[in-house]
Protein backbone atom coordinates (compact mmCIF):
# COMPACT_ATOMS: atom_id res chain seq x y z
CA UNK A 1 153.97 76.89 43.29
CA UNK A 2 152.36 73.52 43.95
CA UNK A 3 148.55 73.63 44.36
CA UNK A 4 148.74 71.57 47.57
CA UNK A 5 151.15 74.06 49.13
CA UNK A 6 148.98 77.04 48.16
CA UNK A 7 145.85 75.32 49.51
CA UNK A 8 147.58 74.47 52.79
CA UNK A 9 148.82 78.04 53.24
CA UNK A 10 145.40 79.51 52.44
CA UNK A 11 143.83 77.15 54.96
CA UNK A 12 146.35 78.24 57.59
CA UNK A 13 145.70 81.92 56.92
CA UNK A 14 141.94 81.36 56.97
CA UNK A 15 142.19 79.65 60.37
CA UNK A 16 144.28 82.54 61.64
CA UNK A 17 141.71 85.10 60.45
CA UNK A 18 138.88 83.13 62.09
CA UNK A 19 140.84 83.15 65.36
CA UNK A 20 141.61 86.88 64.99
CA UNK A 21 137.94 87.66 64.28
CA UNK A 22 136.85 85.70 67.37
CA UNK A 23 139.25 87.75 69.46
CA UNK A 24 138.10 90.97 67.76
CA UNK A 25 141.55 91.70 66.32
CA UNK A 26 140.25 91.96 62.73
CA UNK A 27 136.81 92.66 61.30
CA UNK A 28 136.92 90.54 58.14
CA UNK A 29 138.53 87.55 56.50
CA UNK A 30 140.98 88.70 53.85
CA UNK A 31 141.51 85.13 52.65
CA UNK A 32 137.83 84.43 51.98
CA UNK A 33 137.99 86.19 48.61
CA UNK A 34 141.22 84.50 47.51
CA UNK A 35 140.96 82.07 44.62
CA UNK A 36 141.71 78.58 45.86
CA UNK A 37 143.45 76.33 43.32
CA UNK A 38 142.06 72.91 42.54
CA UNK A 39 144.30 70.05 43.53
CA UNK A 40 144.90 67.64 40.69
CA UNK A 41 143.45 64.19 41.16
CA UNK A 42 145.95 61.38 41.28
CA UNK A 43 145.56 58.26 39.24
CA UNK A 44 145.57 55.10 41.37
CA UNK A 45 148.54 52.80 40.91
CA UNK A 46 147.61 49.21 40.21
CA UNK A 47 149.91 46.22 40.34
CA UNK A 48 149.73 43.66 37.57
CA UNK A 49 148.87 40.12 38.69
CA UNK A 50 152.47 38.90 38.41
CA UNK A 51 153.76 41.96 40.31
CA UNK A 52 151.17 41.35 43.01
CA UNK A 53 152.16 37.68 43.26
CA UNK A 54 155.87 38.59 43.62
CA UNK A 55 155.04 41.15 46.32
CA UNK A 56 152.94 38.65 48.26
CA UNK A 57 155.66 35.97 47.98
CA UNK A 58 158.28 38.43 49.25
CA UNK A 59 156.11 39.45 52.20
CA UNK A 60 155.37 35.82 53.12
CA UNK A 61 159.07 34.92 53.12
CA UNK A 62 160.11 36.66 56.33
CA UNK A 63 163.80 36.09 55.61
CA UNK A 64 163.56 38.80 52.92
CA UNK A 65 162.18 41.39 55.31
CA UNK A 66 164.61 43.78 57.01
CA UNK A 67 164.43 43.94 60.78
CA UNK A 68 165.37 47.57 60.96
CA UNK A 69 165.51 50.75 58.89
CA UNK A 70 169.10 50.09 57.88
CA UNK A 71 168.11 47.02 55.83
CA UNK A 72 169.83 44.40 57.99
CA UNK A 73 168.13 41.04 57.57
CA UNK A 74 167.66 38.41 60.20
CA UNK A 75 170.42 35.91 60.66
CA UNK A 76 169.44 32.27 60.48
């Protein structure tokens, strides 16, 4: 299972146990002793200078930008 999913689920369970302890439903936190996986660090994605220049040119030319999520461009 993905480390991010496991971490999210452990966090959810830990929050639940804190709530249950506050309301005196449980006496301890069963999740506190669980081993929490380390999330892998992501490498940043860098654009090369020519890729960056093409992206900036495309953004500046508004005729290339879609006006809605369906990809329809502006007429005229």
